[in-house]
């Protein structure tokens, strides 16, 4: 009984052999590592609305601080803009200069000596010469860009008060839309300085004139060679052409017109103004200076006859 009891006691106290083996084996090896589960896929972030602009600053009574002009180029551009503003303003006012208006009046009186003539004014613009024509003149005003209709009515009323009939035509001086010999007289004031092809314009002016018709002109011209005014013209000419509608400060306009008169020589021929007899004689010619219109102070007025 003791043997059986001991045996049973040991059986109750000690685990079976296979359990003891498993226990020792479990103690001999490390614990298994935990499984690494990949994270769930993340969705792309939703687009967010742009942030609202910052609120506008409340108006302030304090003047804004001006940014300084820091570069040389800005200073030069500002100086050029200021100069040309001055130039355009005072040149427009200088058209009322008594010396200039007197030469225009004298030239028109010589080119259009009596009323009833059919006259073409090329580059009429704002019709500044209406009151200078004799009463009864049949005036045709041509320009590349005509004034607005409202202003044209005002000019037409001025013409009626001056006893002049006024007709408007839009066109180019290089290709006049008129028949040959259609006019008794042609008047131009400050036109040949800015046209693309002055020689073509002179040929067209001669073509539309009737036999014995007169061309009256008042133009700013190149200053005498070697003068200070010529040096100023040559210096400013490139900017003038860009800023003033292709206006040339140094064109030999009066020389070109005089070279186109048979028997006259107003200077050397050039590519822009070839010598070509277009008129039979010269009735009047004068050079003068209008300093209030600098740098176009050198001017010429004259009348040539076909």
C-alpha atoms as a PDB file:
ATOM      1  CA  UNK A   1       0.000   0.000   0.000  1.00  0.00           C
ATOM      2  CA  UNK A   2       2.816   2.331   0.828  1.00  0.00           C
ATOM      3  CA  UNK A   3       4.386   1.641  -2.529  1.00  0.00           C
ATOM      4  CA  UNK A   4       1.139   2.217  -4.318  1.00  0.00           C
ATOM      5  CA  UNK A   5       0.475   5.387  -2.343  1.00  0.00           C
ATOM      6  CA  UNK A   6       3.934   6.740  -3.053  1.00  0.00           C
ATOM      7  CA  UNK A   7       3.520   5.977  -6.642  1.00  0.00           C
ATOM      8  CA  UNK A   8       0.149   7.675  -6.747  1.00  0.00           C
ATOM      9  CA  UNK A   9       1.509  10.650  -4.833  1.00  0.00           C
ATOM     10  CA  UNK A  10       4.336  11.110  -7.204  1.00  0.00           C
ATOM     11  CA  UNK A  11       1.905  10.848 -10.084  1.00  0.00           C
ATOM     12  CA  UNK A  12      -0.205  13.540  -8.523  1.00  0.00           C
ATOM     13  CA  UNK A  13       2.769  15.858  -7.855  1.00  0.00           C
ATOM     14  CA  UNK A  14       4.862  15.430 -11.031  1.00  0.00           C
ATOM     15  CA  UNK A  15       3.414  15.979 -14.464  1.00  0.00           C
ATOM     16  CA  UNK A  16       3.625  13.284 -17.086  1.00  0.00           C
ATOM     17  CA  UNK A  17       6.832  12.923 -19.090  1.00  0.00           C
ATOM     18  CA  UNK A  18       5.479  14.373 -22.299  1.00  0.00           C
ATOM     19  CA  UNK A  19       4.258  17.396 -20.332  1.00  0.00           C
ATOM     20  CA  UNK A  20       7.635  17.832 -18.684  1.00  0.00           C
ATOM     21  CA  UNK A  21       9.305  17.662 -22.112  1.00  0.00           C
ATOM     22  CA  UNK A  22       6.980  20.294 -23.522  1.00  0.00           C
ATOM     23  CA  UNK A  23       7.585  22.527 -20.561  1.00  0.00           C
ATOM     24  CA  UNK A  24      11.351  22.247 -20.871  1.00  0.00           C
ATOM     25  CA  UNK A  25      11.141  22.799 -24.605  1.00  0.00           C
ATOM     26  CA  UNK A  26       8.977  25.855 -24.120  1.00  0.00           C
ATOM     27  CA  UNK A  27      11.450  27.259 -21.656  1.00  0.00           C
ATOM     28  CA  UNK A  28      14.384  26.589 -23.965  1.00  0.00           C
ATOM     29  CA  UNK A  29      13.093  28.655 -27.043  1.00  0.00           C
ATOM     30  CA  UNK A  30      12.234  32.333 -27.100  1.00  0.00           C
ATOM     31  CA  UNK A  31       8.691  33.577 -27.332  1.00  0.00           C
ATOM     32  CA  UNK A  32       7.347  33.851 -30.898  1.00  0.00           C
ATOM     33  CA  UNK A  33       7.415  37.412 -32.326  1.00  0.00           C
ATOM     34  CA  UNK A  34       4.161  39.183 -32.845  1.00  0.00           C
ATOM     35  CA  UNK A  35       2.885  39.321 -36.424  1.00  0.00           C
ATOM     36  CA  UNK A  36       3.467  42.680 -38.149  1.00  0.00           C
ATOM     37  CA  UNK A  37       0.179  43.658 -39.782  1.00  0.00           C
ATOM     38  CA  UNK A  38       0.554  46.199 -42.632  1.00  0.00           C
ATOM     39  CA  UNK A  39      -1.334  49.459 -42.007  1.00  0.00           C
ATOM     40  CA  UNK A  40      -4.546  49.949 -43.923  1.00  0.00           C
ATOM     41  CA  UNK A  41      -4.201  51.954 -47.130  1.00  0.00           C
ATOM     42  CA  UNK A  42      -4.691  55.647 -46.633  1.00  0.00           C
ATOM     43  CA  UNK A  43      -6.959  57.667 -48.933  1.00  0.00           C
ATOM     44  CA  UNK A  44      -5.497  60.734 -50.740  1.00  0.00           C
ATOM     45  CA  UNK A  45      -6.193  63.990 -48.964  1.00  0.00           C
ATOM     46  CA  UNK A  46      -9.213  65.880 -50.140  1.00  0.00           C
ATOM     47  CA  UNK A  47      -8.501  69.132 -51.988  1.00  0.00           C
ATOM     48  CA  UNK A  48      -8.772  72.105 -49.756  1.00  0.00           C
ATOM     49  CA  UNK A  49     -10.163  75.482 -50.779  1.00  0.00           C
ATOM     50  CA  UNK A  50      -7.628  78.319 -51.111  1.00  0.00           C
ATOM     51  CA  UNK A  51      -7.315  80.514 -48.152  1.00  0.00           C
ATOM     52  CA  UNK A  52      -9.397  83.694 -48.406  1.00  0.00           C
ATOM     53  CA  UNK A  53      -7.444  86.868 -49.197  1.00  0.00           C
ATOM     54  CA  UNK A  54      -6.520  89.007 -46.271  1.00  0.00           C
ATOM     55  CA  UNK A  55      -9.022  91.740 -45.526  1.00  0.00           C
ATOM     56  CA  UNK A  56      -8.388  95.042 -47.262  1.00  0.00           C
ATOM     57  CA  UNK A  57      -6.772  97.678 -45.203  1.00  0.00           C
ATOM     58  CA  UNK A  58      -9.124 100.457 -44.191  1.00  0.00           C
ATOM     59  CA  UNK A  59      -8.613 103.711 -46.113  1.00  0.00           C
ATOM     60  CA  UNK A  60      -6.135 105.963 -44.505  1.00  0.00           C
ATOM     61  CA  UNK A  61      -5.834 109.710 -44.629  1.00  0.00           C
ATOM     62  CA  UNK A  62      -2.081 109.386 -44.749  1.00  0.00           C
ATOM     63  CA  UNK A  63      -0.573 109.695 -48.291  1.00  0.00           C
ATOM     64  CA  UNK A  64       1.033 106.589 -49.671  1.00  0.00           C
ATOM     65  CA  UNK A  65       4.763 106.496 -49.726  1.00  0.00           C
ATOM     66  CA  UNK A  66       6.099 106.809 -53.275  1.00  0.00           C
ATOM     67  CA  UNK A  67       8.596 104.223 -54.406  1.00  0.00           C
ATOM     68  CA  UNK A  68      11.875 105.865 -55.373  1.00  0.00           C
ATOM     69  CA  UNK A  69      13.130 105.638 -58.947  1.00  0.00           C
ATOM     70  CA  UNK A  70      16.172 103.508 -58.451  1.00  0.00           C
ATOM     71  CA  UNK A  71      17.572 102.629 -61.855  1.00  0.00           C
ATOM     72  CA  UNK A  72      19.196 104.802 -64.464  1.00  0.00           C
ATOM     73  CA  UNK A  73      16.861 103.490 -67.167  1.00  0.00           C
ATOM     74  CA  UNK A  74      13.786 104.586 -65.215  1.00  0.00           C
ATOM     75  CA  UNK A  75      15.266 108.024 -64.707  1.00  0.00           C
ATOM     76  CA  UNK A  76      16.016 108.366 -68.435  1.00  0.00           C
ATOM     77  CA  UNK A  77      12.486 107.226 -69.438  1.00  0.00           C
ATOM     78  CA  UNK A  78      10.905 109.613 -66.958  1.00  0.00           C
ATOM     79  CA  UNK A  79      13.020 112.500 -68.271  1.00  0.00           C
ATOM     80  CA  UNK A  80      12.116 111.698 -71.916  1.00  0.00           C
ATOM     81  CA  UNK A  81       8.395 111.483 -71.082  1.00  0.00           C
ATOM     82  CA  UNK A  82       8.543 114.804 -69.239  1.00  0.00           C
ATOM     83  CA  UNK A  83      10.403 116.471 -72.117  1.00  0.00           C
ATOM     84  CA  UNK A  84       7.992 115.280 -74.818  1.00  0.00           C
ATOM     85  CA  UNK A  85       4.979 116.277 -72.716  1.00  0.00           C
ATOM     86  CA  UNK A  86       6.470 119.755 -72.532  1.00  0.00           C
ATOM     87  CA  UNK A  87       7.308 119.718 -76.244  1.00  0.00           C
ATOM     88  CA  UNK A  88       3.852 118.612 -77.446  1.00  0.00           C
ATOM     89  CA  UNK A  89       2.015 121.031 -75.146  1.00  0.00           C
ATOM     90  CA  UNK A  90       4.013 124.087 -76.138  1.00  0.00           C
ATOM     91  CA  UNK A  91       4.198 123.151 -79.825  1.00  0.00           C
ATOM     92  CA  UNK A  92       0.414 122.937 -80.023  1.00  0.00           C
ATOM     93  CA  UNK A  93       0.143 126.317 -78.351  1.00  0.00           C
ATOM     94  CA  UNK A  94       2.861 127.701 -80.622  1.00  0.00           C
ATOM     95  CA  UNK A  95       0.619 127.229 -83.687  1.00  0.00           C
ATOM     96  CA  UNK A  96      -0.960 130.488 -82.520  1.00  0.00           C
ATOM     97  CA  UNK A  97       2.392 132.275 -82.731  1.00  0.00           C
ATOM     98  CA  UNK A  98       1.806 135.539 -84.681  1.00  0.00           C
ATOM     99  CA  UNK A  99       4.791 134.964 -86.956  1.00  0.00           C
ATOM    100  CA  UNK A 100       3.620 131.465 -87.892  1.00  0.00           C
ATOM    101  CA  UNK A 101      -0.044 132.395 -88.418  1.00  0.00           C
ATOM    102  CA  UNK A 102       0.997 135.380 -90.549  1.00  0.00           C
ATOM    103  CA  UNK A 103       3.053 133.112 -92.868  1.00  0.00           C
ATOM    104  CA  UNK A 104       0.161 130.660 -93.198  1.00  0.00           C
ATOM    105  CA  UNK A 105      -2.245 133.504 -94.012  1.00  0.00           C
ATOM    106  CA  UNK A 106       0.108 134.986 -96.605  1.00  0.00           C
ATOM    107  CA  UNK A 107       0.730 131.598 -98.235  1.00  0.00           C
ATOM    108  CA  UNK A 108      -2.966 130.737 -98.541  1.00  0.00           C
ATOM    109  CA  UNK A 109      -3.712 134.202 -99.944  1.00  0.00           C
ATOM    110  CA  UNK A 110      -1.083 133.655-102.646  1.00  0.00           C
ATOM    111  CA  UNK A 111      -2.117 130.065-103.455  1.00  0.00           C
ATOM    112  CA  UNK A 112      -5.875 130.830-103.414  1.00  0.00           C
ATOM    113  CA  UNK A 113      -6.041 134.429-104.732  1.00  0.00           C
ATOM    114  CA  UNK A 114      -9.817 134.575-105.256  1.00  0.00           C
ATOM    115  CA  UNK A 115     -13.083 132.940-104.248  1.00  0.00           C
ATOM    116  CA  UNK A 116     -14.876 130.283-106.245  1.00  0.00           C
ATOM    117  CA  UNK A 117     -11.782 128.063-106.630  1.00  0.00           C
ATOM    118  CA  UNK A 118     -11.790 124.363-105.834  1.00  0.00           C
ATOM    119  CA  UNK A 119      -9.066 123.783-103.232  1.00  0.00           C
ATOM    120  CA  UNK A 120      -7.613 120.640-101.668  1.00  0.00           C
ATOM    121  CA  UNK A 121      -6.105 120.907 -98.176  1.00  0.00           C
ATOM    122  CA  UNK A 122      -4.076 117.794 -97.379  1.00  0.00           C
ATOM    123  CA  UNK A 123      -3.758 116.940 -93.694  1.00  0.00           C
ATOM    124  CA  UNK A 124      -6.636 119.184 -92.697  1.00  0.00           C
ATOM    125  CA  UNK A 125      -6.939 117.694 -89.188  1.00  0.00           C
ATOM    126  CA  UNK A 126      -8.963 120.082 -87.031  1.00  0.00           C
ATOM    127  CA  UNK A 127      -9.399 122.571 -89.900  1.00  0.00           C
ATOM    128  CA  UNK A 128      -7.346 125.411 -88.347  1.00  0.00           C
ATOM    129  CA  UNK A 129      -7.182 127.403 -91.608  1.00  0.00           C
ATOM    130  CA  UNK A 130     -10.884 127.682 -92.473  1.00  0.00           C
ATOM    131  CA  UNK A 131     -11.123 131.404 -91.861  1.00  0.00           C
ATOM    132  CA  UNK A 132      -8.077 132.114 -94.069  1.00  0.00           C
ATOM    133  CA  UNK A 133      -9.731 131.080 -97.365  1.00  0.00           C
ATOM    134  CA  UNK A 134     -11.603 133.591 -99.539  1.00  0.00           C
ATOM    135  CA  UNK A 135     -15.387 133.489 -99.360  1.00  0.00           C
ATOM    136  CA  UNK A 136     -16.828 131.181-101.975  1.00  0.00           C
ATOM    137  CA  UNK A 137     -13.943 128.683-101.775  1.00  0.00           C
ATOM    138  CA  UNK A 138     -14.966 125.073-102.413  1.00  0.00           C
ATOM    139  CA  UNK A 139     -12.683 123.305 -99.940  1.00  0.00           C
ATOM    140  CA  UNK A 140     -12.010 119.560 -99.836  1.00  0.00           C
ATOM    141  CA  UNK A 141     -10.265 118.474 -96.629  1.00  0.00           C
ATOM    142  CA  UNK A 142      -8.311 115.211 -96.777  1.00  0.00           C
ATOM    143  CA  UNK A 143      -6.734 113.331 -93.893  1.00  0.00           C
ATOM    144  CA  UNK A 144      -5.797 109.766 -93.002  1.00  0.00           C
ATOM    145  CA  UNK A 145      -7.958 109.995 -89.867  1.00  0.00           C
ATOM    146  CA  UNK A 146     -10.917 112.349 -90.000  1.00  0.00           C
ATOM    147  CA  UNK A 147     -12.261 114.060 -86.872  1.00  0.00           C
ATOM    148  CA  UNK A 148     -15.304 112.481 -85.175  1.00  0.00           C
ATOM    149  CA  UNK A 149     -18.675 113.315 -86.710  1.00  0.00           C
ATOM    150  CA  UNK A 150     -19.577 115.646 -83.863  1.00  0.00           C
ATOM    151  CA  UNK A 151     -16.470 117.761 -84.366  1.00  0.00           C
ATOM    152  CA  UNK A 152     -16.901 117.715 -88.138  1.00  0.00           C
ATOM    153  CA  UNK A 153     -20.312 119.357 -87.712  1.00  0.00           C
ATOM    154  CA  UNK A 154     -18.706 122.091 -85.608  1.00  0.00           C
ATOM    155  CA  UNK A 155     -16.042 122.677 -88.290  1.00  0.00           C
ATOM    156  CA  UNK A 156     -18.704 122.719 -91.020  1.00  0.00           C
ATOM    157  CA  UNK A 157     -20.585 125.397 -89.116  1.00  0.00           C
ATOM    158  CA  UNK A 158     -17.380 127.445 -88.898  1.00  0.00           C
ATOM    159  CA  UNK A 159     -16.900 126.999 -92.642  1.00  0.00           C
ATOM    160  CA  UNK A 160     -20.438 128.228 -93.390  1.00  0.00           C
ATOM    161  CA  UNK A 161     -19.848 131.302 -91.257  1.00  0.00           C
ATOM    162  CA  UNK A 162     -16.643 131.962 -93.245  1.00  0.00           C
ATOM    163  CA  UNK A 163     -18.481 131.518 -96.550  1.00  0.00           C
ATOM    164  CA  UNK A 164     -16.568 128.309 -97.397  1.00  0.00           C
ATOM    165  CA  UNK A 165     -18.130 125.010 -98.466  1.00  0.00           C
ATOM    166  CA  UNK A 166     -16.337 122.110 -96.781  1.00  0.00           C
ATOM    167  CA  UNK A 167     -16.233 118.481 -97.900  1.00  0.00           C
ATOM    168  CA  UNK A 168     -14.403 115.705 -96.010  1.00  0.00           C
ATOM    169  CA  UNK A 169     -12.432 112.890 -97.664  1.00  0.00           C
ATOM    170  CA  UNK A 170     -10.516 110.150 -95.884  1.00  0.00           C
ATOM    171  CA  UNK A 171      -7.386 109.024 -97.699  1.00  0.00           C
ATOM    172  CA  UNK A 172      -3.622 108.929 -97.998  1.00  0.00           C
ATOM    173  CA  UNK A 173      -1.461 111.678 -99.466  1.00  0.00           C
ATOM    174  CA  UNK A 174       0.660 109.045-101.246  1.00  0.00           C
ATOM    175  CA  UNK A 175      -2.387 107.929-103.269  1.00  0.00           C
ATOM    176  CA  UNK A 176      -4.856 110.780-103.592  1.00  0.00           C
ATOM    177  CA  UNK A 177      -8.374 109.528-104.475  1.00  0.00           C
ATOM    178  CA  UNK A 178      -8.984 112.243-107.087  1.00  0.00           C
ATOM    179  CA  UNK A 179      -8.772 112.590-110.850  1.00  0.00           C
ATOM    180  CA  UNK A 180      -5.833 114.375-112.441  1.00  0.00           C
ATOM    181  CA  UNK A 181      -6.254 118.133-112.696  1.00  0.00           C
ATOM    182  CA  UNK A 182      -9.225 118.170-110.309  1.00  0.00           C
ATOM    183  CA  UNK A 183      -8.154 121.205-108.217  1.00  0.00           C
ATOM    184  CA  UNK A 184      -7.274 124.836-108.799  1.00  0.00           C
ATOM    185  CA  UNK A 185      -5.028 124.940-105.715  1.00  0.00           C
ATOM    186  CA  UNK A 186      -3.544 122.656-103.047  1.00  0.00           C
ATOM    187  CA  UNK A 187      -2.518 123.723 -99.533  1.00  0.00           C
ATOM    188  CA  UNK A 188      -0.306 121.784 -97.094  1.00  0.00           C
ATOM    189  CA  UNK A 189       0.912 122.855 -93.644  1.00  0.00           C
ATOM    190  CA  UNK A 190       3.286 120.584 -91.725  1.00  0.00           C
ATOM    191  CA  UNK A 191       2.476 117.523 -93.819  1.00  0.00           C
ATOM    192  CA  UNK A 192       5.641 116.419 -95.631  1.00  0.00           C
ATOM    193  CA  UNK A 193       7.542 115.995 -92.359  1.00  0.00           C
ATOM    194  CA  UNK A 194       5.633 112.824 -91.435  1.00  0.00           C
ATOM    195  CA  UNK A 195       4.604 111.061 -94.667  1.00  0.00           C
ATOM    196  CA  UNK A 196       6.316 107.778 -95.530  1.00  0.00           C
ATOM    197  CA  UNK A 197       7.259 108.729 -99.117  1.00  0.00           C
ATOM    198  CA  UNK A 198       7.614 112.498 -99.629  1.00  0.00           C
ATOM    199  CA  UNK A 199       8.561 112.142-103.312  1.00  0.00           C
ATOM    200  CA  UNK A 200       5.328 110.224-104.040  1.00  0.00           C
ATOM    201  CA  UNK A 201       3.303 112.880-102.223  1.00  0.00           C
ATOM    202  CA  UNK A 202       4.834 115.663-104.338  1.00  0.00           C
ATOM    203  CA  UNK A 203       4.045 113.743-107.522  1.00  0.00           C
ATOM    204  CA  UNK A 204       0.436 113.240-106.385  1.00  0.00           C
ATOM    205  CA  UNK A 205       0.024 116.914-105.451  1.00  0.00           C
ATOM    206  CA  UNK A 206       1.269 117.912-108.901  1.00  0.00           C
ATOM    207  CA  UNK A 207      -0.993 115.346-110.605  1.00  0.00           C
ATOM    208  CA  UNK A 208      -4.258 116.588-109.044  1.00  0.00           C
ATOM    209  CA  UNK A 209      -3.451 120.248-109.810  1.00  0.00           C
ATOM    210  CA  UNK A 210      -4.899 121.773-112.966  1.00  0.00           C
ATOM    211  CA  UNK A 211      -2.617 123.513-115.428  1.00  0.00           C
ATOM    212  CA  UNK A 212      -1.645 126.831-113.843  1.00  0.00           C
ATOM    213  CA  UNK A 213      -2.807 125.633-110.412  1.00  0.00           C
ATOM    214  CA  UNK A 214      -0.824 126.560-107.312  1.00  0.00           C
ATOM    215  CA  UNK A 215       0.640 124.563-104.434  1.00  0.00           C
ATOM    216  CA  UNK A 216       1.036 126.577-101.219  1.00  0.00           C
ATOM    217  CA  UNK A 217       3.077 125.098 -98.383  1.00  0.00           C
ATOM    218  CA  UNK A 218       4.283 125.971 -94.869  1.00  0.00           C
ATOM    219  CA  UNK A 219       6.603 123.248 -93.540  1.00  0.00           C
ATOM    220  CA  UNK A 220       9.228 122.859 -90.834  1.00  0.00           C
ATOM    221  CA  UNK A 221      12.544 121.975 -92.433  1.00  0.00           C
ATOM    222  CA  UNK A 222      16.148 120.993 -91.724  1.00  0.00           C
ATOM    223  CA  UNK A 223      18.175 123.740 -90.070  1.00  0.00           C
ATOM    224  CA  UNK A 224      21.242 125.165 -91.850  1.00  0.00           C
ATOM    225  CA  UNK A 225      24.229 122.849 -91.947  1.00  0.00           C
ATOM    226  CA  UNK A 226      26.618 123.192 -89.020  1.00  0.00           C
ATOM    227  CA  UNK A 227      24.215 125.241 -86.877  1.00  0.00           C
ATOM    228  CA  UNK A 228      23.420 124.473 -83.257  1.00  0.00           C
ATOM    229  CA  UNK A 229      19.784 123.952 -84.205  1.00  0.00           C
ATOM    230  CA  UNK A 230      20.798 121.296 -86.745  1.00  0.00           C
ATOM    231  CA  UNK A 231      22.791 119.456 -84.065  1.00  0.00           C
ATOM    232  CA  UNK A 232      19.725 119.510 -81.826  1.00  0.00           C
ATOM    233  CA  UNK A 233      17.523 118.230 -84.641  1.00  0.00           C
ATOM    234  CA  UNK A 234      19.890 115.356 -85.403  1.00  0.00           C
ATOM    235  CA  UNK A 235      20.046 114.433 -81.706  1.00  0.00           C
ATOM    236  CA  UNK A 236      16.287 114.440 -81.160  1.00  0.00           C
ATOM    237  CA  UNK A 237      15.164 113.128 -84.564  1.00  0.00           C
ATOM    238  CA  UNK A 238      15.022 109.375 -83.695  1.00  0.00           C
ATOM    239  CA  UNK A 239      12.849 109.993 -80.634  1.00  0.00           C
ATOM    240  CA  UNK A 240      10.699 112.470 -82.558  1.00  0.00           C
ATOM    241  CA  UNK A 241       9.919 109.904 -85.240  1.00  0.00           C
ATOM    242  CA  UNK A 242       8.824 107.318 -82.669  1.00  0.00           C
ATOM    243  CA  UNK A 243       6.823 109.616 -80.410  1.00  0.00           C
ATOM    244  CA  UNK A 244       5.315 112.043 -82.930  1.00  0.00           C
ATOM    245  CA  UNK A 245       3.867 109.864 -85.684  1.00  0.00           C
ATOM    246  CA  UNK A 246       6.937 109.567 -87.947  1.00  0.00           C
ATOM    247  CA  UNK A 247       7.600 113.318 -87.849  1.00  0.00           C
ATOM    248  CA  UNK A 248      11.140 114.033 -89.108  1.00  0.00           C
ATOM    249  CA  UNK A 249      12.971 117.025 -87.689  1.00  0.00           C
ATOM    250  CA  UNK A 250      15.716 117.101 -90.330  1.00  0.00           C
ATOM    251  CA  UNK A 251      14.009 116.671 -93.704  1.00  0.00           C
ATOM    252  CA  UNK A 252      15.091 118.899 -96.578  1.00  0.00           C
ATOM    253  CA  UNK A 253      11.478 119.577 -97.485  1.00  0.00           C
ATOM    254  CA  UNK A 254      11.811 123.038 -98.979  1.00  0.00           C
ATOM    255  CA  UNK A 255      14.854 121.969-101.004  1.00  0.00           C
ATOM    256  CA  UNK A 256      12.863 119.033-102.391  1.00  0.00           C
ATOM    257  CA  UNK A 257       9.959 121.235-103.467  1.00  0.00           C
ATOM    258  CA  UNK A 258      12.295 123.733-105.115  1.00  0.00           C
ATOM    259  CA  UNK A 259      14.154 120.949-106.930  1.00  0.00           C
ATOM    260  CA  UNK A 260      10.824 119.853-108.392  1.00  0.00           C
ATOM    261  CA  UNK A 261      10.431 123.272-110.086  1.00  0.00           C
ATOM    262  CA  UNK A 262      11.795 123.445-113.613  1.00  0.00           C
ATOM    263  CA  UNK A 263      14.937 125.579-113.762  1.00  0.00           C
ATOM    264  CA  UNK A 264      15.444 125.739-109.984  1.00  0.00           C
ATOM    265  CA  UNK A 265      18.045 123.933-107.862  1.00  0.00           C
ATOM    266  CA  UNK A 266      17.257 123.949-104.164  1.00  0.00           C
ATOM    267  CA  UNK A 267      20.011 121.593-103.154  1.00  0.00           C
ATOM    268  CA  UNK A 268      21.512 118.188-103.872  1.00  0.00           C
ATOM    269  CA  UNK A 269      19.238 115.344-104.880  1.00  0.00           C
ATOM    270  CA  UNK A 270      18.569 112.553-102.363  1.00  0.00           C
ATOM    271  CA  UNK A 271      16.857 109.173-102.269  1.00  0.00           C
ATOM    272  CA  UNK A 272      13.890 110.597-100.350  1.00  0.00           C
ATOM    273  CA  UNK A 273      13.545 113.653-102.586  1.00  0.00           C
ATOM    274  CA  UNK A 274      14.776 112.959-106.130  1.00  0.00           C
ATOM    275  CA  UNK A 275      15.081 115.946-108.455  1.00  0.00           C
ATOM    276  CA  UNK A 276      12.077 115.767-110.777  1.00  0.00           C
ATOM    277  CA  UNK A 277      10.361 118.642-112.629  1.00  0.00           C
ATOM    278  CA  UNK A 278       6.770 118.712-111.389  1.00  0.00           C
ATOM    279  CA  UNK A 279       6.053 122.469-111.451  1.00  0.00           C
ATOM    280  CA  UNK A 280       6.662 125.192-114.006  1.00  0.00           C
ATOM    281  CA  UNK A 281       7.618 128.119-111.773  1.00  0.00           C
ATOM    282  CA  UNK A 282       7.980 129.438-108.246  1.00  0.00           C
ATOM    283  CA  UNK A 283       5.749 132.328-107.136  1.00  0.00           C
ATOM    284  CA  UNK A 284       7.039 132.840-103.573  1.00  0.00           C
ATOM    285  CA  UNK A 285       9.590 131.414-101.161  1.00  0.00           C
ATOM    286  CA  UNK A 286      10.825 132.351 -97.682  1.00  0.00           C
ATOM    287  CA  UNK A 287      12.717 130.748 -94.816  1.00  0.00           C
ATOM    288  CA  UNK A 288      12.005 131.888 -91.262  1.00  0.00           C
ATOM    289  CA  UNK A 289      12.289 130.720 -87.657  1.00  0.00           C
ATOM    290  CA  UNK A 290       9.564 130.332 -85.036  1.00  0.00           C
ATOM    291  CA  UNK A 291      11.460 129.787 -81.800  1.00  0.00           C
ATOM    292  CA  UNK A 292       8.307 129.100 -79.826  1.00  0.00           C
ATOM    293  CA  UNK A 293       8.008 125.889 -81.891  1.00  0.00           C
ATOM    294  CA  UNK A 294      11.515 124.586 -81.109  1.00  0.00           C
ATOM    295  CA  UNK A 295      12.916 122.112 -82.161  1.00  0.00           C
ATOM    296  CA  UNK A 296      10.897 122.648 -85.379  1.00  0.00           C
ATOM    297  CA  UNK A 297      11.859 126.314 -85.343  1.00  0.00           C
ATOM    298  CA  UNK A 298      13.374 126.270 -88.857  1.00  0.00           C
ATOM    299  CA  UNK A 299      10.478 126.663 -91.295  1.00  0.00           C
ATOM    300  CA  UNK A 300       9.824 127.537 -94.916  1.00  0.00           C
ATOM    301  CA  UNK A 301       6.831 128.892 -96.792  1.00  0.00           C
ATOM    302  CA  UNK A 302       6.286 129.142-100.532  1.00  0.00           C
ATOM    303  CA  UNK A 303       4.051 128.804-103.556  1.00  0.00           C
ATOM    304  CA  UNK A 304       4.841 126.917-106.756  1.00  0.00           C
ATOM    305  CA  UNK A 305       2.827 126.904-109.973  1.00  0.00           C
ATOM    306  CA  UNK A 306       2.144 123.929-112.227  1.00  0.00           C
END
